Protein backbone atom coordinates (compact mmCIF):
# COMPACT_ATOMS: atom_id res chain seq x y z
CA UNK A 1 36.99 67.19 10.12
CA UNK A 2 34.49 64.45 10.70
CA UNK A 3 34.41 61.82 8.05
CA UNK A 4 32.42 61.50 5.15
CA UNK A 5 30.84 59.13 3.11
CA UNK A 6 29.28 59.71 -0.12
CA UNK A 7 25.06 59.14 -0.07
CA UNK A 8 26.10 56.43 -3.59
CA UNK A 9 27.75 54.11 -0.75
CA UNK A 10 25.19 54.50 2.42
CA UNK A 11 22.52 53.53 -1.06
CA UNK A 12 23.96 51.11 -1.60
CA UNK A 13 24.65 49.35 1.11
CA UNK A 14 21.15 50.25 2.18
CA UNK A 15 19.84 48.62 -0.95
CA UNK A 16 21.25 45.63 -0.42
CA UNK A 17 20.36 45.04 3.37
CA UNK A 18 16.91 45.59 1.82
CA UNK A 19 17.20 42.95 -0.64
CA UNK A 20 18.83 40.61 1.30
CA UNK A 21 15.69 40.97 3.86
CA UNK A 22 13.40 40.44 1.17
CA UNK A 23 15.45 37.62 -0.41
CA UNK A 24 15.60 35.85 3.10
CA UNK A 25 12.01 36.71 3.86
CA UNK A 26 10.53 35.44 1.09
CA UNK A 27 12.40 32.17 1.41
CA UNK A 28 11.11 31.82 4.73
CA UNK A 29 7.78 32.44 3.38
CA UNK A 30 8.01 29.78 0.79
CA UNK A 31 9.49 27.10 2.92
CA UNK A 32 6.73 27.54 5.87
CA UNK A 33 4.35 27.17 2.36
CA UNK A 34 5.71 24.10 1.39
CA UNK A 35 5.89 23.02 5.37
CA UNK A 36 2.60 23.20 5.61
CA UNK A 37 1.82 21.45 2.04
CA UNK A 38 3.76 18.35 3.16
CA UNK A 39 2.48 17.94 7.10
CA UNK A 40 -1.11 18.59 5.62
CA UNK A 41 -0.21 15.48 3.21
CA UNK A 42 1.68 13.86 6.26
CA UNK A 43 -1.42 14.10 8.13
CA UNK A 44 -3.96 12.85 5.44
CA UNK A 45 -1.77 9.66 4.87
CA UNK A 46 -1.97 8.86 8.31
CA UNK A 47 -5.11 9.66 8.91
CA UNK A 48 -5.91 7.09 5.62
CA UNK A 49 -3.75 4.69 7.50
CA UNK A 50 -5.46 5.27 10.68
CA UNK A 51 -8.52 4.55 8.72
CA UNK A 52 -6.96 1.26 6.66
CA UNK A 53 -5.52 -0.09 10.60
CA UNK A 54 -9.17 0.47 11.92
CA UNK A 55 -11.18 -3.28 11.98
CA UNK A 56 -13.73 -1.78 13.06
CA UNK A 57 -15.05 -1.10 10.13
CA UNK A 58 -15.54 -4.42 8.48
CA UNK A 59 -19.13 -5.31 9.53
CA UNK A 60 -18.70 -8.83 11.51
CA UNK A 61 -19.39 -9.01 15.28
CA UNK A 62 -16.67 -10.66 16.74
CA UNK A 63 -17.75 -14.43 16.99
CA UNK A 64 -20.34 -14.60 14.24
CA UNK A 65 -20.26 -15.78 10.72
CA UNK A 66 -21.03 -14.08 7.42
CA UNK A 67 -21.66 -16.09 4.13
CA UNK A 68 -20.73 -14.30 0.95
CA UNK A 69 -18.95 -11.59 2.51
CA UNK A 70 -16.77 -9.28 -0.04
CA UNK A 71 -14.27 -7.16 1.07
CA UNK A 72 -12.61 -4.68 -0.63
CA UNK A 73 -9.07 -3.30 0.14
CA UNK A 74 -8.05 0.23 -0.54
CA UNK A 75 -3.71 1.33 -0.70
CA UNK A 76 -3.27 4.76 0.50
CA UNK A 77 -4.51 6.71 -2.55
CA UNK A 78 -8.02 5.58 -2.61
CA UNK A 79 -7.52 2.63 -4.89
CA UNK A 80 -8.26 -0.86 -5.00
CA UNK A 81 -5.28 -3.36 -4.34
CA UNK A 82 -6.90 -5.85 -2.99
CA UNK A 83 -10.52 -8.16 -2.63
CA UNK A 84 -11.74 -10.68 -0.77
CA UNK A 85 -14.47 -12.96 -1.53
CA UNK A 86 -15.03 -15.46 1.21
CA UNK A 87 -17.65 -18.37 1.18
CA UNK A 88 -17.91 -18.01 4.71
CA UNK A 89 -16.12 -15.55 7.05
CA UNK A 90 -15.98 -15.36 10.36
CA UNK A 91 -14.43 -12.74 12.64
CA UNK A 92 -11.88 -14.39 15.63
CA UNK A 93 -11.41 -11.30 17.52
CA UNK A 94 -10.90 -7.73 17.34
CA UNK A 95 -7.31 -8.36 14.93
CA UNK A 96 -8.17 -11.67 12.81
CA UNK A 97 -10.75 -12.87 10.27
CA UNK A 98 -11.07 -16.43 9.40
CA UNK A 99 -12.00 -16.96 6.33
CA UNK A 100 -13.07 -20.34 4.31
CA UNK A 101 -13.20 -20.57 0.64
CA UNK A 102 -11.44 -17.53 -0.14
CA UNK A 103 -11.10 -16.02 -3.63
CA UNK A 104 -8.66 -12.96 -3.73
CA UNK A 105 -7.72 -11.11 -6.42
CA UNK A 106 -4.86 -8.19 -6.12
CA UNK A 107 -4.88 -6.01 -8.69
CA UNK A 108 -2.55 -3.60 -10.32
CA UNK A 109 -1.55 0.27 -10.71
CA UNK A 110 -4.19 0.05 -13.62
CA UNK A 111 -6.72 -1.29 -12.00
CA UNK A 112 -6.82 -4.50 -13.55
CA UNK A 113 -6.89 -7.94 -12.15
CA UNK A 114 -3.55 -9.22 -11.14
CA UNK A 115 -3.14 -12.32 -9.09
CA UNK A 116 -6.42 -14.82 -8.06
CA UNK A 117 -5.22 -16.36 -4.87
CA UNK A 118 -7.65 -19.56 -3.88
CA UNK A 119 -7.26 -20.77 -0.10
CA UNK A 120 -9.73 -23.48 1.59
CA UNK A 121 -9.30 -21.48 4.75
CA UNK A 122 -6.99 -18.58 6.13
CA UNK A 123 -6.69 -16.62 9.01
CA UNK A 124 -6.56 -12.40 8.03
CA UNK A 125 -4.53 -10.10 10.65
CA UNK A 126 -6.36 -7.17 10.22
CA UNK A 127 -2.93 -5.35 11.44
CA UNK A 128 -0.63 -5.94 9.75
CA UNK A 129 -2.38 -7.07 6.63
CA UNK A 130 -0.77 -10.40 6.53
CA UNK A 131 -2.83 -13.49 5.32
CA UNK A 132 -1.78 -17.29 6.48
CA UNK A 133 -3.41 -20.10 4.91
CA UNK A 134 -2.21 -23.90 6.88
CA UNK A 135 -3.75 -25.67 3.95
CA UNK A 136 -3.05 -25.73 -0.15
CA UNK A 137 -2.98 -22.54 -1.63
CA UNK A 138 -3.45 -22.12 -5.64
CA UNK A 139 -2.02 -18.84 -6.93
CA UNK A 140 -3.29 -18.17 -10.75
CA UNK A 141 -1.93 -15.55 -13.20
CA UNK A 142 -2.08 -15.15 -16.74
CA UNK A 143 1.52 -17.19 -17.37
CA UNK A 144 1.73 -18.95 -14.18
CA UNK A 145 -0.14 -21.51 -11.21
CA UNK A 146 1.63 -22.17 -8.72
CA UNK A 147 0.28 -24.40 -5.45
CA UNK A 148 1.67 -25.39 -2.01
CA UNK A 149 0.47 -26.68 0.70
CA UNK A 150 0.41 -23.89 3.39
CA UNK A 151 0.74 -19.87 2.32
CA UNK A 152 1.41 -16.40 4.01
CA UNK A 153 0.79 -13.41 2.10
CA UNK A 154 1.64 -10.23 2.85
CA UNK A 155 -1.49 -7.82 1.10
CA UNK A 156 0.26 -4.77 1.35
CA UNK A 157 3.82 -5.30 -0.39
CA UNK A 158 2.31 -7.87 -2.19
CA UNK A 159 4.89 -10.71 -1.13
CA UNK A 160 4.11 -14.34 -0.43
CA UNK A 161 5.33 -17.45 0.72
CA UNK A 162 4.26 -20.87 -0.13
CA UNK A 163 5.78 -24.10 1.68
CA UNK A 164 5.18 -27.49 1.12
CA UNK A 165 4.93 -29.47 -2.21
CA UNK A 166 5.33 -26.49 -3.96
CA UNK A 167 4.19 -26.97 -7.81
CA UNK A 168 4.44 -24.81 -10.46
CA UNK A 169 3.09 -24.42 -14.21
CA UNK A 170 4.66 -22.00 -16.34
CA UNK A 171 2.53 -20.74 -19.28
CA UNK A 172 4.06 -19.30 -22.24
CA UNK A 173 7.29 -21.27 -22.09
CA UNK A 174 8.16 -19.61 -25.79
CA UNK A 175 8.42 -16.21 -24.77
CA UNK A 176 11.00 -17.55 -21.57
CA UNK A 177 13.97 -19.52 -24.16
CA UNK A 178 15.44 -17.78 -26.22
CA UNK A 179 14.96 -17.69 -30.19
CA UNK A 180 16.50 -20.97 -32.15
CA UNK A 181 16.88 -23.07 -29.09
CA UNK A 182 14.99 -26.03 -28.41
């Protein structure tokens, strides 16, 4: 006698295999779709970073000076993050820009001015986005002023270092001290 299986079991197994194939197929399509979107975003971010790193977008030939040069600096999302207002700017080489009488303004995520940095002489590295000043620099914000002999400031991370004869004046000290103490 030949083994006999009921049609019900066969149908159940076939249905299970069919559902499994559909489930795997839909997950694969979903993962590929997510991967394509993610890959596209990465490519856009890479293109934006390359554009940002491209030093040729500064309209100043090597060795030439420009008076009253204004350079906006945008983040990867296209928002204004810094603005450089130089009294005189000179392109030293392909990646260095010397600026005198610089007034640099940083902006918050809400596009409001945050820091005002004044440098009498500075050099901006266009690759690393780090600005250095070997002369006295003043940093002003609504709640403080700070002055130092030299400064190094990373415009992408917004971290800086002031060195030598650093003096700081804090405004609104009543907000800093605990209530009831003098």
